[in-house]
Amino acid sequence: MFNSSSSREHDAEARRGRLLKAAAAVFAKDGFEKASLRAICEKAKANVAAVKYYFGSKEGLYREVFLCSCQQSMDKDRPVTLADGGTPEETLRLWIHHLLDHVLLKRKANPVKSQIMAHEMREPTPCLNEFIKLIVRPFHEELQRIIAAVLGRSAVDEDCILYCHHIIGLCIHYDHCRVFVDRLGPPVPKTEEEVRRLAENISGFVLGALASRRGTPPKTSPRSKKTP
């Protein structure tokens, strides 16, 4: 016997999925501000009322696309932590390798997320604060704890926070400035082996710098700005 309730439920799930897929493509191309709900709905073969029904608004649809894609990426590709049981130094080496691998190789596997993030960097939306709170801040705070452990400190201090920014800056430089790096040389790594060698180079530099700071008095008044 035909189950009209199940059919409606299936149709609803399919419609919601089409809207998310269409929205991801349009937001990636145009960014939040320029993206048109009409274009999204035409691409999804749905009406504007469906956006309001499933997501509440254009903002709600964008939030679902942006935050869910970022969270899914993190869930599939989580960095190593101190809880995994390695020494602080080895954990930091693996963490640096993980970040380089992600920004130079794995990010290409999700071009939609990368394009939406590029729009966010140019024209931030309210979702950026939520992204930082839910995804970026835990990522940063784990690196700060790793650094504190390498320094032999019992807690994160201002030095650890600054060193965290320095390390991330060293890694993402090869992505954000790849046009210059390729021309100045050596070129940006394009294979897993090249990424591994770069990670070893950066790790050696960072661990040497941290070793020179081991035993120095910690700063106990972090000035990090918390994102609400």
C-alpha atoms as a PDB file:
ATOM      1  CA  MET A   1       0.000   0.000   0.000  1.00  0.00           C
ATOM      2  CA  PHE A   2       1.308   3.472  -0.910  1.00  0.00           C
ATOM      3  CA  ASN A   3       2.421   5.413   2.193  1.00  0.00           C
ATOM      4  CA  SER A   4       1.744   9.082   1.469  1.00  0.00           C
ATOM      5  CA  SER A   5       3.266  10.150   4.824  1.00  0.00           C
ATOM      6  CA  SER A   6       6.581   8.434   4.070  1.00  0.00           C
ATOM      7  CA  SER A   7       6.552   9.888   0.574  1.00  0.00           C
ATOM      8  CA  ARG A   8       6.042  13.413   1.920  1.00  0.00           C
ATOM      9  CA  GLU A   9       8.821  12.883   4.461  1.00  0.00           C
ATOM     10  CA  HIS A  10      11.178  11.652   1.747  1.00  0.00           C
ATOM     11  CA  ASP A  11      10.254  14.585  -0.504  1.00  0.00           C
ATOM     12  CA  ALA A  12      10.859  17.022   2.367  1.00  0.00           C
ATOM     13  CA  GLU A  13      14.315  15.592   3.093  1.00  0.00           C
ATOM     14  CA  ALA A  14      15.191  15.646  -0.592  1.00  0.00           C
ATOM     15  CA  ARG A  15      14.015  19.270  -0.934  1.00  0.00           C
ATOM     16  CA  ARG A  16      16.049  20.332   2.098  1.00  0.00           C
ATOM     17  CA  GLY A  17      19.098  18.555   0.695  1.00  0.00           C
ATOM     18  CA  ARG A  18      18.691  20.248  -2.684  1.00  0.00           C
ATOM     19  CA  LEU A  19      18.478  23.644  -0.997  1.00  0.00           C
ATOM     20  CA  LEU A  20      21.673  23.020   0.992  1.00  0.00           C
ATOM     21  CA  LYS A  21      23.554  21.816  -2.084  1.00  0.00           C
ATOM     22  CA  ALA A  22      22.356  24.726  -4.220  1.00  0.00           C
ATOM     23  CA  ALA A  23      23.046  27.258  -1.462  1.00  0.00           C
ATOM     24  CA  ALA A  24      26.589  25.955  -0.976  1.00  0.00           C
ATOM     25  CA  ALA A  25      27.328  26.474  -4.678  1.00  0.00           C
ATOM     26  CA  VAL A  26      25.788  29.963  -4.815  1.00  0.00           C
ATOM     27  CA  PHE A  27      27.316  31.188  -1.528  1.00  0.00           C
ATOM     28  CA  ALA A  28      30.721  29.869  -2.640  1.00  0.00           C
ATOM     29  CA  LYS A  29      30.464  31.787  -5.909  1.00  0.00           C
ATOM     30  CA  ASP A  30      28.899  35.048  -4.701  1.00  0.00           C
ATOM     31  CA  GLY A  31      29.368  35.280  -0.935  1.00  0.00           C
ATOM     32  CA  PHE A  32      26.544  35.909   1.526  1.00  0.00           C
ATOM     33  CA  GLU A  33      25.669  39.484   0.612  1.00  0.00           C
ATOM     34  CA  LYS A  34      25.529  39.039  -3.154  1.00  0.00           C
ATOM     35  CA  ALA A  35      23.950  35.585  -3.121  1.00  0.00           C
ATOM     36  CA  SER A  36      20.355  35.597  -4.293  1.00  0.00           C
ATOM     37  CA  LEU A  37      17.680  33.426  -2.696  1.00  0.00           C
ATOM     38  CA  ARG A  38      15.962  33.357  -6.069  1.00  0.00           C
ATOM     39  CA  ALA A  39      19.080  31.890  -7.686  1.00  0.00           C
ATOM     40  CA  ILE A  40      19.408  29.322  -4.903  1.00  0.00           C
ATOM     41  CA  CYS A  41      15.768  28.277  -5.182  1.00  0.00           C
ATOM     42  CA  GLU A  42      15.884  28.060  -8.968  1.00  0.00           C
ATOM     43  CA  LYS A  43      18.969  25.852  -8.716  1.00  0.00           C
ATOM     44  CA  ALA A  44      17.283  23.686  -6.050  1.00  0.00           C
ATOM     45  CA  LYS A  45      13.927  23.569  -7.876  1.00  0.00           C
ATOM     46  CA  ALA A  46      12.215  24.874  -4.732  1.00  0.00           C
ATOM     47  CA  ASN A  47      10.396  28.047  -3.749  1.00  0.00           C
ATOM     48  CA  VAL A  48      11.476  30.826  -1.386  1.00  0.00           C
ATOM     49  CA  ALA A  49       8.875  29.694   1.150  1.00  0.00           C
ATOM     50  CA  ALA A  50      10.813  26.431   1.509  1.00  0.00           C
ATOM     51  CA  VAL A  51      13.869  28.375   2.707  1.00  0.00           C
ATOM     52  CA  LYS A  52      11.790  30.022   5.422  1.00  0.00           C
ATOM     53  CA  TYR A  53      10.223  26.684   6.370  1.00  0.00           C
ATOM     54  CA  TYR A  54      13.489  24.739   6.707  1.00  0.00           C
ATOM     55  CA  PHE A  55      15.973  27.443   7.743  1.00  0.00           C
ATOM     56  CA  GLY A  56      13.990  30.489   8.841  1.00  0.00           C
ATOM     57  CA  SER A  57      15.788  32.958   6.573  1.00  0.00           C
ATOM     58  CA  LYS A  58      18.672  33.447   4.169  1.00  0.00           C
ATOM     59  CA  GLU A  59      20.878  33.948   7.245  1.00  0.00           C
ATOM     60  CA  GLY A  60      19.737  30.623   8.688  1.00  0.00           C
ATOM     61  CA  LEU A  61      20.440  28.830   5.418  1.00  0.00           C
ATOM     62  CA  TYR A  62      23.902  30.374   5.211  1.00  0.00           C
ATOM     63  CA  ARG A  63      24.674  29.423   8.819  1.00  0.00           C
ATOM     64  CA  GLU A  64      23.716  25.806   8.126  1.00  0.00           C
ATOM     65  CA  VAL A  65      25.898  25.643   5.017  1.00  0.00           C
ATOM     66  CA  PHE A  66      28.915  27.415   6.494  1.00  0.00           C
ATOM     67  CA  LEU A  67      29.103  25.999  10.016  1.00  0.00           C
ATOM     68  CA  CYS A  68      28.083  22.447   9.117  1.00  0.00           C
ATOM     69  CA  SER A  69      30.649  22.183   6.319  1.00  0.00           C
ATOM     70  CA  CYS A  70      33.388  23.458   8.652  1.00  0.00           C
ATOM     71  CA  GLN A  71      32.375  21.144  11.490  1.00  0.00           C
ATOM     72  CA  GLN A  72      32.177  18.117   9.213  1.00  0.00           C
ATOM     73  CA  SER A  73      35.653  18.893   7.897  1.00  0.00           C
ATOM     74  CA  MET A  74      37.044  19.131  11.440  1.00  0.00           C
ATOM     75  CA  ASP A  75      35.306  15.922  12.517  1.00  0.00           C
ATOM     76  CA  LYS A  76      36.932  14.039   9.649  1.00  0.00           C
ATOM     77  CA  ASP A  77      40.368  15.605  10.074  1.00  0.00           C
ATOM     78  CA  ARG A  78      41.068  16.347  13.746  1.00  0.00           C
ATOM     79  CA  PRO A  79      44.639  17.233  14.764  1.00  0.00           C
ATOM     80  CA  VAL A  80      46.626  15.298  17.344  1.00  0.00           C
ATOM     81  CA  THR A  81      46.281  16.381  20.989  1.00  0.00           C
ATOM     82  CA  LEU A  82      48.252  15.931  24.205  1.00  0.00           C
ATOM     83  CA  ALA A  83      45.610  13.418  25.287  1.00  0.00           C
ATOM     84  CA  ASP A  84      46.827  11.085  22.522  1.00  0.00           C
ATOM     85  CA  GLY A  85      49.821  10.290  24.712  1.00  0.00           C
ATOM     86  CA  GLY A  86      52.868  11.457  22.766  1.00  0.00           C
ATOM     87  CA  THR A  87      55.578  13.718  24.163  1.00  0.00           C
ATOM     88  CA  PRO A  88      54.812  17.458  23.898  1.00  0.00           C
ATOM     89  CA  GLU A  89      57.581  17.853  21.303  1.00  0.00           C
ATOM     90  CA  GLU A  90      56.320  14.998  19.119  1.00  0.00           C
ATOM     91  CA  THR A  91      52.746  16.230  19.510  1.00  0.00           C
ATOM     92  CA  LEU A  92      53.795  19.679  18.276  1.00  0.00           C
ATOM     93  CA  ARG A  93      55.600  18.144  15.271  1.00  0.00           C
ATOM     94  CA  LEU A  94      52.483  16.162  14.353  1.00  0.00           C
ATOM     95  CA  TRP A  95      50.250  19.206  14.899  1.00  0.00           C
ATOM     96  CA  ILE A  96      52.355  21.342  12.524  1.00  0.00           C
ATOM     97  CA  HIS A  97      52.356  18.536   9.928  1.00  0.00           C
ATOM     98  CA  HIS A  98      48.580  18.223  10.272  1.00  0.00           C
ATOM     99  CA  LEU A  99      47.981  21.947   9.706  1.00  0.00           C
ATOM    100  CA  LEU A 100      50.270  22.097   6.669  1.00  0.00           C
ATOM    101  CA  ASP A 101      48.695  18.963   5.214  1.00  0.00           C
ATOM    102  CA  HIS A 102      45.247  20.467   5.682  1.00  0.00           C
ATOM    103  CA  VAL A 103      45.900  23.916   4.190  1.00  0.00           C
ATOM    104  CA  LEU A 104      48.156  22.777   1.337  1.00  0.00           C
ATOM    105  CA  LEU A 105      46.581  19.473   0.268  1.00  0.00           C
ATOM    106  CA  LYS A 106      43.293  18.501   1.923  1.00  0.00           C
ATOM    107  CA  ARG A 107      41.570  21.869   1.649  1.00  0.00           C
ATOM    108  CA  LYS A 108      41.424  21.376  -2.132  1.00  0.00           C
ATOM    109  CA  ALA A 109      39.085  18.441  -1.542  1.00  0.00           C
ATOM    110  CA  ASN A 110      36.430  20.881  -0.264  1.00  0.00           C
ATOM    111  CA  PRO A 111      36.585  23.890  -2.618  1.00  0.00           C
ATOM    112  CA  VAL A 112      33.126  25.120  -1.579  1.00  0.00           C
ATOM    113  CA  LYS A 113      34.189  25.532   2.048  1.00  0.00           C
ATOM    114  CA  SER A 114      37.415  27.248   0.993  1.00  0.00           C
ATOM    115  CA  GLN A 115      35.568  29.684  -1.281  1.00  0.00           C
ATOM    116  CA  ILE A 116      32.979  30.538   1.381  1.00  0.00           C
ATOM    117  CA  MET A 117      35.779  31.086   3.910  1.00  0.00           C
ATOM    118  CA  ALA A 118      37.522  33.419   1.460  1.00  0.00           C
ATOM    119  CA  HIS A 119      34.333  35.498   1.251  1.00  0.00           C
ATOM    120  CA  GLU A 120      34.143  35.526   5.076  1.00  0.00           C
ATOM    121  CA  MET A 121      37.678  36.895   5.304  1.00  0.00           C
ATOM    122  CA  ARG A 122      36.774  39.768   2.978  1.00  0.00           C
ATOM    123  CA  GLU A 123      33.247  40.450   4.240  1.00  0.00           C
ATOM    124  CA  PRO A 124      32.673  38.852   7.676  1.00  0.00           C
ATOM    125  CA  THR A 125      29.134  37.873   8.639  1.00  0.00           C
ATOM    126  CA  PRO A 126      27.816  37.168  12.173  1.00  0.00           C
ATOM    127  CA  CYS A 127      28.579  33.505  11.478  1.00  0.00           C
ATOM    128  CA  LEU A 128      32.305  34.217  11.698  1.00  0.00           C
ATOM    129  CA  ASN A 129      32.117  34.837  15.462  1.00  0.00           C
ATOM    130  CA  GLU A 130      30.247  31.573  15.902  1.00  0.00           C
ATOM    131  CA  PHE A 131      32.778  29.757  13.717  1.00  0.00           C
ATOM    132  CA  ILE A 132      35.622  31.113  15.862  1.00  0.00           C
ATOM    133  CA  LYS A 133      33.870  30.135  19.097  1.00  0.00           C
ATOM    134  CA  LEU A 134      32.842  26.620  18.071  1.00  0.00           C
ATOM    135  CA  ILE A 135      35.698  25.522  15.843  1.00  0.00           C
ATOM    136  CA  VAL A 136      38.719  27.845  15.781  1.00  0.00           C
ATOM    137  CA  ARG A 137      39.041  28.627  19.505  1.00  0.00           C
ATOM    138  CA  PRO A 138      39.231  24.957  20.653  1.00  0.00           C
ATOM    139  CA  PHE A 139      41.816  24.369  17.892  1.00  0.00           C
ATOM    140  CA  HIS A 140      43.893  27.345  19.119  1.00  0.00           C
ATOM    141  CA  GLU A 141      43.565  26.462  22.782  1.00  0.00           C
ATOM    142  CA  GLU A 142      44.852  22.934  22.236  1.00  0.00           C
ATOM    143  CA  LEU A 143      47.927  24.304  20.449  1.00  0.00           C
ATOM    144  CA  GLN A 144      48.468  26.721  23.347  1.00  0.00           C
ATOM    145  CA  ARG A 145      48.409  23.792  25.793  1.00  0.00           C
ATOM    146  CA  ILE A 146      50.909  21.878  23.649  1.00  0.00           C
ATOM    147  CA  ILE A 147      53.223  24.892  23.633  1.00  0.00           C
ATOM    148  CA  ALA A 148      52.905  25.282  27.408  1.00  0.00           C
ATOM    149  CA  ALA A 149      53.858  21.614  27.822  1.00  0.00           C
ATOM    150  CA  VAL A 150      56.902  22.017  25.554  1.00  0.00           C
ATOM    151  CA  LEU A 151      57.971  25.016  27.654  1.00  0.00           C
ATOM    152  CA  GLY A 152      57.448  23.020  30.847  1.00  0.00           C
ATOM    153  CA  ARG A 153      54.805  25.438  32.115  1.00  0.00           C
ATOM    154  CA  SER A 154      51.861  24.342  34.202  1.00  0.00           C
ATOM    155  CA  ALA A 155      49.390  26.671  32.482  1.00  0.00           C
ATOM    156  CA  VAL A 156      48.939  28.700  29.315  1.00  0.00           C
ATOM    157  CA  ASP A 157      50.234  32.263  29.598  1.00  0.00           C
ATOM    158  CA  GLU A 158      50.601  35.217  27.238  1.00  0.00           C
ATOM    159  CA  ASP A 159      53.782  33.804  25.700  1.00  0.00           C
ATOM    160  CA  CYS A 160      51.958  30.588  24.764  1.00  0.00           C
ATOM    161  CA  ILE A 161      49.162  32.534  23.101  1.00  0.00           C
ATOM    162  CA  LEU A 162      51.604  34.624  21.060  1.00  0.00           C
ATOM    163  CA  TYR A 163      53.673  31.576  20.079  1.00  0.00           C
ATOM    164  CA  CYS A 164      50.449  29.895  18.955  1.00  0.00           C
ATOM    165  CA  HIS A 165      49.795  32.757  16.516  1.00  0.00           C
ATOM    166  CA  HIS A 166      53.422  32.656  15.337  1.00  0.00           C
ATOM    167  CA  ILE A 167      53.283  28.935  14.550  1.00  0.00           C
ATOM    168  CA  ILE A 168      49.983  29.145  12.691  1.00  0.00           C
ATOM    169  CA  GLY A 169      51.303  32.162  10.775  1.00  0.00           C
ATOM    170  CA  LEU A 170      54.392  30.200   9.688  1.00  0.00           C
ATOM    171  CA  CYS A 171      52.182  27.422   8.320  1.00  0.00           C
ATOM    172  CA  ILE A 172      49.441  29.379   6.562  1.00  0.00           C
ATOM    173  CA  HIS A 173      52.000  31.717   4.977  1.00  0.00           C
ATOM    174  CA  TYR A 174      52.589  28.956   2.416  1.00  0.00           C
ATOM    175  CA  ASP A 175      48.918  29.007   1.474  1.00  0.00           C
ATOM    176  CA  HIS A 176      48.038  32.701   1.672  1.00  0.00           C
ATOM    177  CA  CYS A 177      51.270  33.854  -0.012  1.00  0.00           C
ATOM    178  CA  ARG A 178      51.779  30.958  -2.404  1.00  0.00           C
ATOM    179  CA  VAL A 179      52.068  33.293  -5.420  1.00  0.00           C
ATOM    180  CA  PHE A 180      55.104  34.951  -3.836  1.00  0.00           C
ATOM    181  CA  VAL A 181      56.554  31.740  -2.360  1.00  0.00           C
ATOM    182  CA  ASP A 182      56.447  29.991  -5.742  1.00  0.00           C
ATOM    183  CA  ARG A 183      58.360  32.874  -7.338  1.00  0.00           C
ATOM    184  CA  LEU A 184      60.871  33.338  -4.535  1.00  0.00           C
ATOM    185  CA  GLY A 185      61.368  29.593  -3.963  1.00  0.00           C
ATOM    186  CA  PRO A 186      61.443  26.899  -2.900  1.00  0.00           C
ATOM    187  CA  PRO A 187      57.917  26.469  -4.305  1.00  0.00           C
ATOM    188  CA  VAL A 188      54.894  25.592  -2.192  1.00  0.00           C
ATOM    189  CA  PRO A 189      54.714  21.825  -1.533  1.00  0.00           C
ATOM    190  CA  LYS A 190      52.343  19.898  -3.783  1.00  0.00           C
ATOM    191  CA  THR A 191      52.864  16.321  -2.567  1.00  0.00           C
ATOM    192  CA  GLU A 192      52.653  14.539   0.782  1.00  0.00           C
ATOM    193  CA  GLU A 193      56.431  14.036   0.858  1.00  0.00           C
ATOM    194  CA  GLU A 194      57.087  17.728   0.173  1.00  0.00           C
ATOM    195  CA  VAL A 195      54.629  18.693   2.928  1.00  0.00           C
ATOM    196  CA  ARG A 196      56.353  16.288   5.324  1.00  0.00           C
ATOM    197  CA  ARG A 197      59.757  17.853   4.637  1.00  0.00           C
ATOM    198  CA  LEU A 198      58.403  21.371   5.138  1.00  0.00           C
ATOM    199  CA  ALA A 199      56.710  20.295   8.372  1.00  0.00           C
ATOM    200  CA  GLU A 200      60.011  18.896   9.653  1.00  0.00           C
ATOM    201  CA  ASN A 201      61.792  22.127   8.760  1.00  0.00           C
ATOM    202  CA  ILE A 202      59.237  24.341  10.505  1.00  0.00           C
ATOM    203  CA  SER A 203      59.038  21.979  13.500  1.00  0.00           C
ATOM    204  CA  GLY A 204      62.804  22.069  13.983  1.00  0.00           C
ATOM    205  CA  PHE A 205      62.801  25.853  13.827  1.00  0.00           C
ATOM    206  CA  VAL A 206      59.878  26.182  16.264  1.00  0.00           C
ATOM    207  CA  LEU A 207      61.173  23.615  18.761  1.00  0.00           C
ATOM    208  CA  GLY A 208      64.598  25.259  18.742  1.00  0.00           C
ATOM    209  CA  ALA A 209      63.012  28.631  19.463  1.00  0.00           C
ATOM    210  CA  LEU A 210      60.848  27.199  22.254  1.00  0.00           C
ATOM    211  CA  ALA A 211      63.824  25.392  23.788  1.00  0.00           C
ATOM    212  CA  SER A 212      65.581  28.760  24.103  1.00  0.00           C
ATOM    213  CA  ARG A 213      62.589  30.048  26.082  1.00  0.00           C
ATOM    214  CA  ARG A 214      62.317  27.074  28.420  1.00  0.00           C
ATOM    215  CA  GLY A 215      62.977  28.139  31.994  1.00  0.00           C
ATOM    216  CA  THR A 216      62.160  31.809  31.404  1.00  0.00           C
ATOM    217  CA  PRO A 217      59.525  33.360  33.718  1.00  0.00           C
ATOM    218  CA  PRO A 218      56.008  32.965  32.333  1.00  0.00           C
ATOM    219  CA  LYS A 219      53.735  35.919  31.717  1.00  0.00           C
ATOM    220  CA  THR A 220      50.641  35.495  33.825  1.00  0.00           C
ATOM    221  CA  SER A 221      48.279  38.139  32.393  1.00  0.00           C
ATOM    222  CA  PRO A 222      47.066  36.981  28.971  1.00  0.00           C
ATOM    223  CA  ARG A 223      45.669  39.805  26.875  1.00  0.00           C
ATOM    224  CA  SER A 224      43.853  37.552  24.425  1.00  0.00           C
ATOM    225  CA  LYS A 225      40.573  39.005  23.241  1.00  0.00           C
ATOM    226  CA  LYS A 226      37.713  36.592  23.777  1.00  0.00           C
ATOM    227  CA  THR A 227      35.123  36.313  21.046  1.00  0.00           C
ATOM    228  CA  PRO A 228      31.580  36.183  22.414  1.00  0.00           C
END
